[in-house]
Amino acid sequence: MLAWLDQAAVLDPSAQTPPSRAYKAFKAWAVDEGYRERELPAINNFSARVTGAGKGIIRNKTNKGRVLVGLAVKGGV
């Protein structure tokens, strides 16, 4: 997960990404990198790891639902 943050995610303090979108991008990246899908963390564990990674990403609840503030994903995922 830390490798994904460094290689395939964008740290942007103004970004607000739904956890489901970030998780989908993470899973696609991990499978492309050769990780087995069944060995990847569940979405709740993923969100906890992302916010605990020390990259300044936090979880927030908005009127549109929950978001990860400070994280954007590359590409059209």
N, C-alpha and C. Protein backbone atom coordinates (compact mmCIF):
# COMPACT_ATOMS: atom_id res chain seq x y z
N MET A 1 0.82 -1.18 0.00
CA MET A 1 0.00 0.00 0.00
C MET A 1 0.87 1.25 0.00
N LEU A 2 1.96 1.23 0.75
CA LEU A 2 2.86 2.38 0.76
C LEU A 2 3.50 2.59 -0.62
N ALA A 3 3.84 1.51 -1.29
CA ALA A 3 4.41 1.62 -2.64
C ALA A 3 3.40 2.26 -3.58
N TRP A 4 2.13 1.90 -3.46
CA TRP A 4 1.08 2.50 -4.29
C TRP A 4 1.00 4.00 -4.03
N LEU A 5 1.05 4.40 -2.77
CA LEU A 5 1.00 5.83 -2.45
C LEU A 5 2.17 6.57 -3.09
N ASP A 6 3.34 5.95 -3.08
CA ASP A 6 4.53 6.60 -3.64
C ASP A 6 4.55 6.58 -5.17
N GLN A 7 4.04 5.51 -5.78
CA GLN A 7 4.19 5.33 -7.21
C GLN A 7 2.96 5.69 -8.04
N ALA A 8 1.78 5.50 -7.49
CA ALA A 8 0.58 5.61 -8.33
C ALA A 8 -0.49 6.56 -7.82
N ALA A 9 -0.28 7.14 -6.67
CA ALA A 9 -1.26 8.08 -6.12
C ALA A 9 -0.69 9.49 -6.19
N VAL A 10 -1.54 10.46 -6.03
CA VAL A 10 -1.12 11.86 -6.04
C VAL A 10 -1.49 12.47 -4.69
N LEU A 11 -0.50 12.97 -3.99
CA LEU A 11 -0.76 13.65 -2.73
C LEU A 11 -1.07 15.10 -3.02
N ASP A 12 -2.29 15.48 -2.78
CA ASP A 12 -2.77 16.83 -3.10
C ASP A 12 -3.66 17.29 -1.95
N PRO A 13 -3.22 18.26 -1.16
CA PRO A 13 -3.99 18.69 0.01
C PRO A 13 -5.42 19.11 -0.29
N SER A 14 -5.70 19.53 -1.51
CA SER A 14 -7.07 19.96 -1.84
C SER A 14 -7.93 18.85 -2.42
N ALA A 15 -7.35 17.68 -2.67
CA ALA A 15 -8.10 16.57 -3.27
C ALA A 15 -9.03 15.92 -2.25
N GLN A 16 -10.17 15.47 -2.75
CA GLN A 16 -11.14 14.73 -1.94
C GLN A 16 -11.61 13.55 -2.77
N THR A 17 -11.11 12.37 -2.45
CA THR A 17 -11.40 11.17 -3.22
C THR A 17 -12.21 10.20 -2.39
N PRO A 18 -13.31 9.69 -2.93
CA PRO A 18 -14.06 8.66 -2.21
C PRO A 18 -13.17 7.44 -1.97
N PRO A 19 -13.23 6.85 -0.78
CA PRO A 19 -12.41 5.67 -0.50
C PRO A 19 -12.61 4.54 -1.52
N SER A 20 -13.83 4.37 -2.01
CA SER A 20 -14.08 3.29 -2.97
C SER A 20 -13.30 3.52 -4.27
N ARG A 21 -13.18 4.76 -4.70
CA ARG A 21 -12.42 5.07 -5.92
C ARG A 21 -10.93 4.84 -5.69
N ALA A 22 -10.43 5.28 -4.55
CA ALA A 22 -9.01 5.06 -4.23
C ALA A 22 -8.72 3.57 -4.12
N TYR A 23 -9.61 2.82 -3.50
CA TYR A 23 -9.41 1.38 -3.33
C TYR A 23 -9.42 0.68 -4.69
N LYS A 24 -10.31 1.08 -5.56
CA LYS A 24 -10.37 0.49 -6.90
C LYS A 24 -9.05 0.74 -7.64
N ALA A 25 -8.52 1.94 -7.55
CA ALA A 25 -7.24 2.26 -8.18
C ALA A 25 -6.10 1.46 -7.55
N PHE A 26 -6.13 1.33 -6.23
CA PHE A 26 -5.11 0.55 -5.53
C PHE A 26 -5.14 -0.90 -5.97
N LYS A 27 -6.33 -1.50 -6.01
CA LYS A 27 -6.45 -2.90 -6.41
C LYS A 27 -5.95 -3.13 -7.83
N ALA A 28 -6.32 -2.25 -8.74
CA ALA A 28 -5.87 -2.38 -10.14
C ALA A 28 -4.35 -2.30 -10.21
N TRP A 29 -3.77 -1.36 -9.49
CA TRP A 29 -2.32 -1.22 -9.48
C TRP A 29 -1.67 -2.46 -8.88
N ALA A 30 -2.18 -2.92 -7.75
CA ALA A 30 -1.58 -4.07 -7.05
C ALA A 30 -1.61 -5.33 -7.92
N VAL A 31 -2.73 -5.58 -8.58
CA VAL A 31 -2.84 -6.75 -9.45
C VAL A 31 -1.86 -6.62 -10.62
N ASP A 32 -1.76 -5.42 -11.20
CA ASP A 32 -0.80 -5.19 -12.28
C ASP A 32 0.63 -5.41 -11.82
N GLU A 33 0.90 -5.14 -10.55
CA GLU A 33 2.23 -5.32 -9.99
C GLU A 33 2.51 -6.76 -9.58
N GLY A 34 1.51 -7.63 -9.71
CA GLY A 34 1.71 -9.05 -9.40
C GLY A 34 1.22 -9.51 -8.05
N TYR A 35 0.57 -8.63 -7.30
CA TYR A 35 0.01 -9.05 -6.02
C TYR A 35 -1.26 -9.85 -6.25
N ARG A 36 -1.51 -10.81 -5.40
CA ARG A 36 -2.73 -11.61 -5.49
C ARG A 36 -3.88 -10.84 -4.86
N GLU A 37 -4.98 -10.77 -5.57
CA GLU A 37 -6.12 -9.98 -5.10
C GLU A 37 -6.61 -10.45 -3.74
N ARG A 38 -6.60 -11.75 -3.50
CA ARG A 38 -7.10 -12.27 -2.22
C ARG A 38 -6.21 -11.90 -1.04
N GLU A 39 -4.99 -11.45 -1.32
CA GLU A 39 -4.06 -11.07 -0.26
C GLU A 39 -4.06 -9.57 0.03
N LEU A 40 -4.85 -8.82 -0.73
CA LEU A 40 -4.93 -7.38 -0.51
C LEU A 40 -5.83 -7.06 0.67
N PRO A 41 -5.59 -5.94 1.34
CA PRO A 41 -6.45 -5.58 2.48
C PRO A 41 -7.86 -5.25 2.02
N ALA A 42 -8.82 -5.47 2.90
CA ALA A 42 -10.20 -5.06 2.64
C ALA A 42 -10.26 -3.54 2.64
N ILE A 43 -11.33 -2.99 2.11
CA ILE A 43 -11.43 -1.53 1.96
C ILE A 43 -11.31 -0.79 3.29
N ASN A 44 -11.90 -1.31 4.36
CA ASN A 44 -11.81 -0.62 5.65
C ASN A 44 -10.37 -0.60 6.16
N ASN A 45 -9.68 -1.72 6.00
CA ASN A 45 -8.29 -1.78 6.41
C ASN A 45 -7.44 -0.90 5.50
N PHE A 46 -7.75 -0.85 4.23
CA PHE A 46 -7.05 0.02 3.28
C PHE A 46 -7.16 1.47 3.72
N SER A 47 -8.36 1.93 4.03
CA SER A 47 -8.56 3.33 4.45
C SER A 47 -7.77 3.64 5.71
N ALA A 48 -7.75 2.71 6.65
CA ALA A 48 -6.99 2.92 7.88
C ALA A 48 -5.50 3.00 7.59
N ARG A 49 -5.01 2.16 6.69
CA ARG A 49 -3.58 2.19 6.35
C ARG A 49 -3.21 3.47 5.62
N VAL A 50 -4.08 3.92 4.72
CA VAL A 50 -3.81 5.15 3.98
C VAL A 50 -3.72 6.34 4.94
N THR A 51 -4.66 6.43 5.85
CA THR A 51 -4.64 7.57 6.78
C THR A 51 -3.53 7.45 7.82
N GLY A 52 -3.08 6.24 8.08
CA GLY A 52 -2.00 6.04 9.04
C GLY A 52 -0.61 6.02 8.43
N ALA A 53 -0.51 6.30 7.14
CA ALA A 53 0.77 6.21 6.43
C ALA A 53 1.69 7.41 6.68
N GLY A 54 1.20 8.42 7.36
CA GLY A 54 2.04 9.58 7.63
C GLY A 54 2.22 10.51 6.44
N LYS A 55 1.27 10.48 5.52
CA LYS A 55 1.35 11.30 4.31
C LYS A 55 0.40 12.50 4.37
N GLY A 56 -0.26 12.69 5.50
CA GLY A 56 -1.17 13.82 5.66
C GLY A 56 -2.57 13.59 5.11
N ILE A 57 -2.90 12.35 4.82
CA ILE A 57 -4.23 12.01 4.30
C ILE A 57 -5.16 11.74 5.49
N ILE A 58 -6.34 12.34 5.43
CA ILE A 58 -7.31 12.13 6.51
C ILE A 58 -8.65 11.70 5.92
N ARG A 59 -9.47 11.07 6.74
CA ARG A 59 -10.83 10.73 6.34
C ARG A 59 -11.74 11.85 6.81
N ASN A 60 -12.73 12.17 5.98
CA ASN A 60 -13.67 13.22 6.31
C ASN A 60 -15.04 12.83 5.76
N LYS A 61 -16.06 13.33 6.39
CA LYS A 61 -17.42 13.10 5.91
C LYS A 61 -17.95 14.43 5.37
N THR A 62 -18.43 14.40 4.12
CA THR A 62 -18.98 15.58 3.49
C THR A 62 -20.45 15.33 3.18
N ASN A 63 -21.10 16.32 2.61
CA ASN A 63 -22.50 16.12 2.24
C ASN A 63 -22.64 15.13 1.08
N LYS A 64 -21.54 14.80 0.42
CA LYS A 64 -21.55 13.81 -0.66
C LYS A 64 -21.11 12.42 -0.18
N GLY A 65 -20.76 12.30 1.09
CA GLY A 65 -20.30 11.02 1.64
C GLY A 65 -18.88 11.13 2.17
N ARG A 66 -18.30 10.01 2.51
CA ARG A 66 -16.94 9.98 3.05
C ARG A 66 -15.92 10.17 1.94
N VAL A 67 -14.84 10.87 2.28
CA VAL A 67 -13.75 11.11 1.34
C VAL A 67 -12.41 10.98 2.05
N LEU A 68 -11.39 10.73 1.25
CA LEU A 68 -10.00 10.79 1.73
C LEU A 68 -9.45 12.12 1.26
N VAL A 69 -9.21 13.00 2.22
CA VAL A 69 -8.72 14.35 1.91
C VAL A 69 -7.19 14.29 1.81
N GLY A 70 -6.67 14.84 0.72
CA GLY A 70 -5.24 14.86 0.50
C GLY A 70 -4.75 13.80 -0.45
N LEU A 71 -5.68 13.00 -1.00
CA LEU A 71 -5.32 11.91 -1.90
C LEU A 71 -6.10 12.00 -3.19
N ALA A 72 -5.39 11.94 -4.30
CA ALA A 72 -6.01 11.84 -5.62
C ALA A 72 -5.43 10.60 -6.29
N VAL A 73 -6.15 10.07 -7.26
CA VAL A 73 -5.66 8.90 -8.00
C VAL A 73 -5.34 9.31 -9.42
N LYS A 74 -4.34 8.68 -9.98
CA LYS A 74 -3.95 8.96 -11.36
C LYS A 74 -4.88 8.22 -12.31
N GLY A 75 -5.07 8.77 -13.47
CA GLY A 75 -5.84 8.09 -14.50
C GLY A 75 -7.33 8.23 -14.29
N GLY A 76 -8.08 7.50 -15.07
CA GLY A 76 -9.53 7.60 -15.05
C GLY A 76 -10.25 6.59 -14.20
N VAL A 77 -9.56 6.05 -13.19
CA VAL A 77 -10.20 5.04 -12.33
C VAL A 77 -11.25 5.69 -11.48
